[in-house]
Amino acid sequence: MTEADQVRKRINELYKKKQESGLTEAEEAERKELHKQFIANFRAGFKQQLDSLVIVDDQGKDVTPEKAKQIQNKNKKVLR
């Protein structure tokens, strides 16, 4: 199970407990921190998807904006 899966599972556990009996202050603080972590992970993953996106027109020509190409080249160098 990945870290993201563990975070999601714990958020769901806390949500169910909140619905059934309420949360303690410590659990509410944990829930807020996990939610921040979940959103940060989601944004990072979404940004990575956008950064690797290649746009192709109807004729098959790469029309990816130059700024996006620069980001992709920078990311390739980091991975090497």
Protein backbone atom coordinates (compact mmCIF):
# COMPACT_ATOMS: atom_id res chain seq x y z
CA MET A 1 0.00 0.00 0.00
CA THR A 2 1.44 3.37 -1.00
CA GLU A 3 1.72 6.35 1.30
CA ALA A 4 -1.09 8.07 -0.59
CA ASP A 5 -3.31 5.01 -0.06
CA GLN A 6 -2.51 5.00 3.65
CA VAL A 7 -3.34 8.71 3.94
CA ARG A 8 -6.63 8.21 2.08
CA LYS A 9 -7.52 5.21 4.26
CA ARG A 10 -6.84 7.12 7.49
CA ILE A 11 -8.85 10.14 6.27
CA ASN A 12 -11.77 7.82 5.57
CA GLU A 13 -11.46 6.20 9.01
CA LEU A 14 -11.52 9.58 10.69
CA TYR A 15 -14.48 10.67 8.57
CA LYS A 16 -16.50 7.62 9.62
CA LYS A 17 -15.61 8.17 13.27
CA LYS A 18 -16.59 11.84 13.00
CA GLN A 19 -19.99 10.83 11.61
CA GLU A 20 -20.56 8.18 14.28
CA SER A 21 -19.24 9.68 17.50
CA GLY A 22 -17.19 12.79 16.78
CA LEU A 23 -13.45 13.41 16.93
CA THR A 24 -11.16 14.47 19.71
CA GLU A 25 -9.10 17.62 19.25
CA ALA A 26 -6.03 15.51 18.45
CA GLU A 27 -7.93 13.49 15.85
CA GLU A 28 -9.34 16.66 14.28
CA ALA A 29 -5.81 18.10 14.06
CA GLU A 30 -4.60 14.82 12.50
CA ARG A 31 -7.48 14.92 10.00
CA LYS A 32 -6.60 18.48 8.97
CA GLU A 33 -2.92 17.62 8.55
CA LEU A 34 -3.73 14.49 6.51
CA HIS A 35 -6.08 16.52 4.33
CA LYS A 36 -3.31 19.07 3.64
CA GLN A 37 -0.94 16.23 2.78
CA PHE A 38 -3.53 14.62 0.48
CA ILE A 39 -4.12 17.91 -1.38
CA ALA A 40 -0.36 18.54 -1.73
CA ASN A 41 0.16 15.02 -3.15
CA PHE A 42 -2.77 15.48 -5.54
CA ARG A 43 -1.44 18.81 -6.79
CA ALA A 44 2.07 17.42 -7.28
CA GLY A 45 0.76 14.47 -9.27
CA PHE A 46 -1.51 16.67 -11.37
CA LYS A 47 1.35 19.10 -12.08
CA GLN A 48 3.55 16.19 -13.13
CA GLN A 49 0.87 15.01 -15.56
CA LEU A 50 0.51 18.50 -17.04
CA ASP A 51 4.27 18.94 -17.31
CA SER A 52 4.58 15.73 -19.34
CA LEU A 53 1.67 16.50 -21.67
CA VAL A 54 2.46 16.68 -25.39
CA ILE A 55 0.00 18.45 -27.69
CA VAL A 56 -0.32 17.20 -31.28
CA ASP A 57 -2.42 18.85 -34.01
CA ASP A 58 -4.59 17.09 -36.62
CA GLN A 59 -1.59 16.57 -38.94
CA GLY A 60 0.45 14.90 -36.21
CA LYS A 61 2.72 17.89 -35.66
CA ASP A 62 3.92 18.57 -32.12
CA VAL A 63 2.42 21.95 -31.12
CA THR A 64 3.36 21.81 -27.46
CA PRO A 65 4.02 25.35 -26.19
CA GLU A 66 7.70 26.25 -25.86
CA LYS A 67 7.39 26.88 -22.12
CA ALA A 68 6.04 23.35 -21.62
CA LYS A 69 8.88 21.89 -23.71
CA GLN A 70 11.43 23.72 -21.55
CA ILE A 71 9.87 22.26 -18.39
CA GLN A 72 9.89 18.77 -19.94
CA ASN A 73 13.56 19.09 -20.92
CA LYS A 74 14.44 20.32 -17.44
CA ASN A 75 12.61 17.36 -15.88
CA LYS A 76 14.42 14.90 -18.18
CA LYS A 77 17.78 16.24 -17.03
CA VAL A 78 16.77 15.82 -13.38
CA LEU A 79 15.77 12.19 -13.95
CA ARG A 80 19.09 11.24 -15.55
